[in-house]
């Protein structure tokens, strides 16, 4: 089952990401991140959207501010 993530920043336009099964996606402040988050509260490798084989799980990568 594909996953869809839509970000609604306070400033700027919204962005939507669609992922197919089988490949996990990193989110963070590193420019190489699959989901680049240009925010000083976000760690370089902040979180992982992990494909588990039957669904998706959000995993915090020991970020300083946590993942909610």
PDB file of N, CA and C in Angstrom:
ATOM      1  N   UNK A   1       0.841  -1.166   0.000  1.00  0.00           N
ATOM      2  CA  UNK A   1       0.000   0.000   0.000  1.00  0.00           C
ATOM      3  C   UNK A   1       0.891   1.236   0.000  1.00  0.00           C
ATOM      4  N   UNK A   2       0.737   2.138  -0.953  1.00  0.00           N
ATOM      5  CA  UNK A   2       1.537   3.358  -0.988  1.00  0.00           C
ATOM      6  C   UNK A   2       1.224   4.248   0.212  1.00  0.00           C
ATOM      7  N   UNK A   3       2.211   5.034   0.592  1.00  0.00           N
ATOM      8  CA  UNK A   3       2.036   6.002   1.676  1.00  0.00           C
ATOM      9  C   UNK A   3       2.046   7.400   1.083  1.00  0.00           C
ATOM     10  N   UNK A   4       1.301   8.293   1.689  1.00  0.00           N
ATOM     11  CA  UNK A   4       1.279   9.690   1.271  1.00  0.00           C
ATOM     12  C   UNK A   4       1.476  10.566   2.496  1.00  0.00           C
ATOM     13  N   UNK A   5       2.420  11.505   2.391  1.00  0.00           N
ATOM     14  CA  UNK A   5       2.699  12.454   3.452  1.00  0.00           C
ATOM     15  C   UNK A   5       2.574  13.849   2.867  1.00  0.00           C
ATOM     16  N   UNK A   6       1.780  14.699   3.516  1.00  0.00           N
ATOM     17  CA  UNK A   6       1.654  16.090   3.088  1.00  0.00           C
ATOM     18  C   UNK A   6       2.110  16.988   4.221  1.00  0.00           C
ATOM     19  N   UNK A   7       3.032  17.899   3.912  1.00  0.00           N
ATOM     20  CA  UNK A   7       3.543  18.861   4.881  1.00  0.00           C
ATOM     21  C   UNK A   7       2.885  20.204   4.629  1.00  0.00           C
ATOM     22  N   UNK A   8       2.415  20.834   5.698  1.00  0.00           N
ATOM     23  CA  UNK A   8       1.772  22.140   5.625  1.00  0.00           C
ATOM     24  C   UNK A   8       2.580  23.128   6.466  1.00  0.00           C
ATOM     25  N   UNK A   9       3.635  23.731   5.891  1.00  0.00           N
ATOM     26  CA  UNK A   9       4.461  24.657   6.672  1.00  0.00           C
ATOM     27  C   UNK A   9       3.716  25.952   6.985  1.00  0.00           C
ATOM     28  N   UNK A  10       4.159  26.615   8.047  1.00  0.00           N
ATOM     29  CA  UNK A  10       3.559  27.894   8.418  1.00  0.00           C
ATOM     30  C   UNK A  10       3.754  28.899   7.287  1.00  0.00           C
ATOM     31  N   UNK A  11       4.964  28.885   6.714  1.00  0.00           N
ATOM     32  CA  UNK A  11       5.251  29.759   5.571  1.00  0.00           C
ATOM     33  C   UNK A  11       5.560  28.891   4.361  1.00  0.00           C
ATOM     34  N   UNK A  12       5.160  29.349   3.200  1.00  0.00           N
ATOM     35  CA  UNK A  12       5.446  28.603   1.986  1.00  0.00           C
ATOM     36  C   UNK A  12       4.286  27.718   1.570  1.00  0.00           C
ATOM     37  N   UNK A  13       4.550  26.920   0.551  1.00  0.00           N
ATOM     38  CA  UNK A  13       3.504  26.056  -0.001  1.00  0.00           C
ATOM     39  C   UNK A  13       3.627  24.646   0.568  1.00  0.00           C
ATOM     40  N   UNK A  14       2.536  23.937   0.535  1.00  0.00           N
ATOM     41  CA  UNK A  14       2.542  22.557   1.021  1.00  0.00           C
ATOM     42  C   UNK A  14       3.287  21.661   0.029  1.00  0.00           C
ATOM     43  N   UNK A  15       3.784  20.538   0.544  1.00  0.00           N
ATOM     44  CA  UNK A  15       4.478  19.545  -0.284  1.00  0.00           C
ATOM     45  C   UNK A  15       3.894  18.177   0.026  1.00  0.00           C
ATOM     46  N   UNK A  16       3.730  17.372  -1.007  1.00  0.00           N
ATOM     47  CA  UNK A  16       3.208  16.016  -0.843  1.00  0.00           C
ATOM     48  C   UNK A  16       4.224  15.016  -1.368  1.00  0.00           C
ATOM     49  N   UNK A  17       4.450  13.959  -0.586  1.00  0.00           N
ATOM     50  CA  UNK A  17       5.343  12.872  -0.962  1.00  0.00           C
ATOM     51  C   UNK A  17       4.510  11.599  -1.042  1.00  0.00           C
ATOM     52  N   UNK A  18       4.738  10.797  -2.066  1.00  0.00           N
ATOM     53  CA  UNK A  18       4.056   9.507  -2.213  1.00  0.00           C
ATOM     54  C   UNK A  18       5.140   8.442  -2.367  1.00  0.00           C
ATOM     55  N   UNK A  19       5.060   7.405  -1.537  1.00  0.00           N
ATOM     56  CA  UNK A  19       6.047   6.334  -1.571  1.00  0.00           C
ATOM     57  C   UNK A  19       5.367   4.999  -1.808  1.00  0.00           C
ATOM     58  N   UNK A  20       6.034   4.153  -2.583  1.00  0.00           N
ATOM     59  CA  UNK A  20       5.578   2.790  -2.784  1.00  0.00           C
ATOM     60  C   UNK A  20       6.204   1.881  -1.733  1.00  0.00           C
ATOM     61  N   UNK A  21       5.628   0.700  -1.579  1.00  0.00           N
ATOM     62  CA  UNK A  21       6.150  -0.261  -0.616  1.00  0.00           C
ATOM     63  C   UNK A  21       7.584  -0.641  -0.955  1.00  0.00           C
ATOM     64  N   UNK A  22       8.308  -1.073   0.071  1.00  0.00           N
ATOM     65  CA  UNK A  22       9.604  -1.675  -0.160  1.00  0.00           C
ATOM     66  C   UNK A  22      10.811  -0.799   0.107  1.00  0.00           C
ATOM     67  N   UNK A  23      10.655   0.506   0.163  1.00  0.00           N
ATOM     68  CA  UNK A  23      11.806   1.379   0.389  1.00  0.00           C
ATOM     69  C   UNK A  23      11.490   2.356   1.502  1.00  0.00           C
ATOM     70  N   UNK A  24      12.288   2.303   2.555  1.00  0.00           N
ATOM     71  CA  UNK A  24      12.124   3.237   3.663  1.00  0.00           C
ATOM     72  C   UNK A  24      12.634   4.612   3.262  1.00  0.00           C
ATOM     73  N   UNK A  25      12.144   5.663   3.933  1.00  0.00           N
ATOM     74  CA  UNK A  25      12.469   7.045   3.583  1.00  0.00           C
ATOM     75  C   UNK A  25      12.926   7.800   4.824  1.00  0.00           C
ATOM     76  N   UNK A  26      14.034   8.538   4.708  1.00  0.00           N
ATOM     77  CA  UNK A  26      14.525   9.362   5.810  1.00  0.00           C
ATOM     78  C   UNK A  26      13.970  10.769   5.721  1.00  0.00           C
ATOM     79  N   UNK A  27      13.722  11.356   6.892  1.00  0.00           N
ATOM     80  CA  UNK A  27      13.323  12.759   6.993  1.00  0.00           C
ATOM     81  C   UNK A  27      14.319  13.460   7.899  1.00  0.00           C
ATOM     82  N   UNK A  28      14.720  14.660   7.504  1.00  0.00           N
ATOM     83  CA  UNK A  28      15.639  15.410   8.337  1.00  0.00           C
ATOM     84  C   UNK A  28      16.162  16.654   7.655  1.00  0.00           C
ATOM     85  N   UNK A  29      17.118  17.288   8.315  1.00  0.00           N
ATOM     86  CA  UNK A  29      17.679  18.537   7.831  1.00  0.00           C
ATOM     87  C   UNK A  29      18.833  18.319   6.847  1.00  0.00           C
ATOM     88  N   UNK A  30      19.353  17.101   6.732  1.00  0.00           N
ATOM     89  CA  UNK A  30      20.401  16.820   5.751  1.00  0.00           C
ATOM     90  C   UNK A  30      19.832  17.001   4.355  1.00  0.00           C
ATOM     91  N   UNK A  31      20.541  17.704   3.482  1.00  0.00           N
ATOM     92  CA  UNK A  31      20.027  17.924   2.115  1.00  0.00           C
ATOM     93  C   UNK A  31      19.756  16.620   1.356  1.00  0.00           C
ATOM     94  N   UNK A  32      20.442  15.533   1.712  1.00  0.00           N
ATOM     95  CA  UNK A  32      20.244  14.250   1.025  1.00  0.00           C
ATOM     96  C   UNK A  32      19.002  13.497   1.503  1.00  0.00           C
ATOM     97  N   UNK A  33      18.317  14.023   2.507  1.00  0.00           N
ATOM     98  CA  UNK A  33      17.136  13.349   3.055  1.00  0.00           C
ATOM     99  C   UNK A  33      16.053  13.209   1.993  1.00  0.00           C
ATOM    100  N   UNK A  34      15.303  12.116   2.075  1.00  0.00           N
ATOM    101  CA  UNK A  34      14.169  11.923   1.170  1.00  0.00           C
ATOM    102  C   UNK A  34      13.116  12.997   1.412  1.00  0.00           C
ATOM    103  N   UNK A  35      12.931  13.359   2.673  1.00  0.00           N
ATOM    104  CA  UNK A  35      12.033  14.453   3.068  1.00  0.00           C
ATOM    105  C   UNK A  35      12.905  15.500   3.752  1.00  0.00           C
ATOM    106  N   UNK A  36      13.301  16.527   3.010  1.00  0.00           N
ATOM    107  CA  UNK A  36      14.161  17.575   3.547  1.00  0.00           C
ATOM    108  C   UNK A  36      13.315  18.554   4.349  1.00  0.00           C
ATOM    109  N   UNK A  37      13.707  18.777   5.619  1.00  0.00           N
ATOM    110  CA  UNK A  37      12.979  19.671   6.511  1.00  0.00           C
ATOM    111  C   UNK A  37      13.927  20.785   6.949  1.00  0.00           C
ATOM    112  N   UNK A  38      13.775  21.943   6.368  1.00  0.00           N
ATOM    113  CA  UNK A  38      14.645  23.078   6.644  1.00  0.00           C
ATOM    114  C   UNK A  38      14.143  23.818   7.882  1.00  0.00           C
ATOM    115  N   UNK A  39      14.457  23.250   9.035  1.00  0.00           N
ATOM    116  CA  UNK A  39      13.976  23.783  10.310  1.00  0.00           C
ATOM    117  C   UNK A  39      15.049  23.501  11.363  1.00  0.00           C
ATOM    118  N   UNK A  40      15.494  24.509  12.117  1.00  0.00           N
ATOM    119  CA  UNK A  40      16.558  24.282  13.098  1.00  0.00           C
ATOM    120  C   UNK A  40      16.170  23.323  14.226  1.00  0.00           C
ATOM    121  N   UNK A  41      14.895  23.054  14.409  1.00  0.00           N
ATOM    122  CA  UNK A  41      14.455  22.103  15.445  1.00  0.00           C
ATOM    123  C   UNK A  41      14.566  20.652  14.992  1.00  0.00           C
ATOM    124  N   UNK A  42      14.884  20.454  13.713  1.00  0.00           N
ATOM    125  CA  UNK A  42      14.946  19.113  13.125  1.00  0.00           C
ATOM    126  C   UNK A  42      16.400  18.653  13.069  1.00  0.00           C
ATOM    127  N   UNK A  43      16.650  17.403  13.444  1.00  0.00           N
ATOM    128  CA  UNK A  43      17.999  16.828  13.381  1.00  0.00           C
ATOM    129  C   UNK A  43      18.358  16.495  11.935  1.00  0.00           C
ATOM    130  N   UNK A  44      19.650  16.270  11.707  1.00  0.00           N
ATOM    131  CA  UNK A  44      20.111  15.907  10.367  1.00  0.00           C
ATOM    132  C   UNK A  44      19.398  14.678   9.834  1.00  0.00           C
ATOM    133  N   UNK A  45      19.395  13.621  10.598  1.00  0.00           N
ATOM    134  CA  UNK A  45      18.615  12.414  10.290  1.00  0.00           C
ATOM    135  C   UNK A  45      17.619  12.277  11.421  1.00  0.00           C
ATOM    136  N   UNK A  46      16.475  12.866  11.265  1.00  0.00           N
ATOM    137  CA  UNK A  46      15.509  13.007  12.352  1.00  0.00           C
ATOM    138  C   UNK A  46      14.633  11.762  12.534  1.00  0.00           C
ATOM    139  N   UNK A  47      14.073  11.278  11.434  1.00  0.00           N
ATOM    140  CA  UNK A  47      13.125  10.162  11.527  1.00  0.00           C
ATOM    141  C   UNK A  47      13.188   9.306  10.275  1.00  0.00           C
ATOM    142  N   UNK A  48      12.667   8.103  10.402  1.00  0.00           N
ATOM    143  CA  UNK A  48      12.620   7.158   9.295  1.00  0.00           C
ATOM    144  C   UNK A  48      11.180   6.700   9.116  1.00  0.00           C
ATOM    145  N   UNK A  49      10.687   6.815   7.896  1.00  0.00           N
ATOM    146  CA  UNK A  49       9.408   6.205   7.535  1.00  0.00           C
ATOM    147  C   UNK A  49       9.777   4.817   7.031  1.00  0.00           C
ATOM    148  N   UNK A  50       9.552   3.821   7.869  1.00  0.00           N
ATOM    149  CA  UNK A  50      10.056   2.477   7.596  1.00  0.00           C
ATOM    150  C   UNK A  50       8.961   1.571   7.051  1.00  0.00           C
ATOM    151  N   UNK A  51       9.262   0.945   5.918  1.00  0.00           N
ATOM    152  CA  UNK A  51       8.375  -0.059   5.357  1.00  0.00           C
ATOM    153  C   UNK A  51       8.628  -1.362   6.104  1.00  0.00           C
ATOM    154  N   UNK A  52       7.596  -1.963   6.673  1.00  0.00           N
ATOM    155  CA  UNK A  52       7.758  -3.159   7.503  1.00  0.00           C
ATOM    156  C   UNK A  52       7.414  -4.447   6.769  1.00  0.00           C
ATOM    157  N   UNK A  53       7.000  -4.345   5.537  1.00  0.00           N
ATOM    158  CA  UNK A  53       6.570  -5.526   4.789  1.00  0.00           C
ATOM    159  C   UNK A  53       5.062  -5.642   4.757  1.00  0.00           C
ATOM    160  N   UNK A  54       4.388  -4.995   5.707  1.00  0.00           N
ATOM    161  CA  UNK A  54       2.932  -5.030   5.735  1.00  0.00           C
ATOM    162  C   UNK A  54       2.323  -3.671   6.005  1.00  0.00           C
ATOM    163  N   UNK A  55       3.163  -2.670   6.173  1.00  0.00           N
ATOM    164  CA  UNK A  55       2.681  -1.324   6.456  1.00  0.00           C
ATOM    165  C   UNK A  55       3.851  -0.399   6.742  1.00  0.00           C
ATOM    166  N   UNK A  56       3.531   0.784   7.205  1.00  0.00           N
ATOM    167  CA  UNK A  56       4.534   1.809   7.461  1.00  0.00           C
ATOM    168  C   UNK A  56       4.618   2.111   8.950  1.00  0.00           C
ATOM    169  N   UNK A  57       5.837   2.412   9.419  1.00  0.00           N
ATOM    170  CA  UNK A  57       6.059   2.783  10.803  1.00  0.00           C
ATOM    171  C   UNK A  57       6.973   4.014  10.822  1.00  0.00           C
ATOM    172  N   UNK A  58       6.685   4.958  11.705  1.00  0.00           N
ATOM    173  CA  UNK A  58       7.527   6.138  11.872  1.00  0.00           C
ATOM    174  C   UNK A  58       8.476   5.873  13.036  1.00  0.00           C
ATOM    175  N   UNK A  59       9.787   5.954  12.781  1.00  0.00           N
ATOM    176  CA  UNK A  59      10.809   5.651  13.776  1.00  0.00           C
ATOM    177  C   UNK A  59      11.646   6.904  14.022  1.00  0.00           C
ATOM    178  N   UNK A  60      11.725   7.334  15.278  1.00  0.00           N
ATOM    179  CA  UNK A  60      12.587   8.454  15.635  1.00  0.00           C
ATOM    180  C   UNK A  60      14.032   7.967  15.635  1.00  0.00           C
ATOM    181  N   UNK A  61      14.928   8.753  15.051  1.00  0.00           N
ATOM    182  CA  UNK A  61      16.337   8.363  14.938  1.00  0.00           C
ATOM    183  C   UNK A  61      17.176   9.004  16.052  1.00  0.00           C
ATOM    184  N   UNK A  62      16.640   8.985  17.276  1.00  0.00           N
ATOM    185  CA  UNK A  62      17.283   9.588  18.446  1.00  0.00           C
ATOM    186  C   UNK A  62      17.486  11.085  18.259  1.00  0.00           C
ATOM    187  N   UNK A  63      16.491  11.722  17.680  1.00  0.00           N
ATOM    188  CA  UNK A  63      16.546  13.155  17.459  1.00  0.00           C
ATOM    189  C   UNK A  63      16.460  13.900  18.793  1.00  0.00           C
ATOM    190  N   UNK A  64      17.020  15.076  18.843  1.00  0.00           N
ATOM    191  CA  UNK A  64      17.045  15.862  20.074  1.00  0.00           C
ATOM    192  C   UNK A  64      15.633  16.253  20.530  1.00  0.00           C
ATOM    193  N   UNK A  65      14.773  16.642  19.598  1.00  0.00           N
ATOM    194  CA  UNK A  65      13.437  17.131  19.935  1.00  0.00           C
ATOM    195  C   UNK A  65      12.342  16.083  19.799  1.00  0.00           C
ATOM    196  N   UNK A  66      12.671  14.879  19.407  1.00  0.00           N
ATOM    197  CA  UNK A  66      11.672  13.826  19.313  1.00  0.00           C
ATOM    198  C   UNK A  66      10.827  13.898  18.050  1.00  0.00           C
ATOM    199  N   UNK A  67      10.014  12.884  17.888  1.00  0.00           N
ATOM    200  CA  UNK A  67       9.125  12.769  16.731  1.00  0.00           C
ATOM    201  C   UNK A  67       7.719  12.488  17.244  1.00  0.00           C
ATOM    202  N   UNK A  68       6.759  13.264  16.760  1.00  0.00           N
ATOM    203  CA  UNK A  68       5.370  13.116  17.211  1.00  0.00           C
ATOM    204  C   UNK A  68       4.456  12.864  16.036  1.00  0.00           C
TER     205      UNK A  68
END
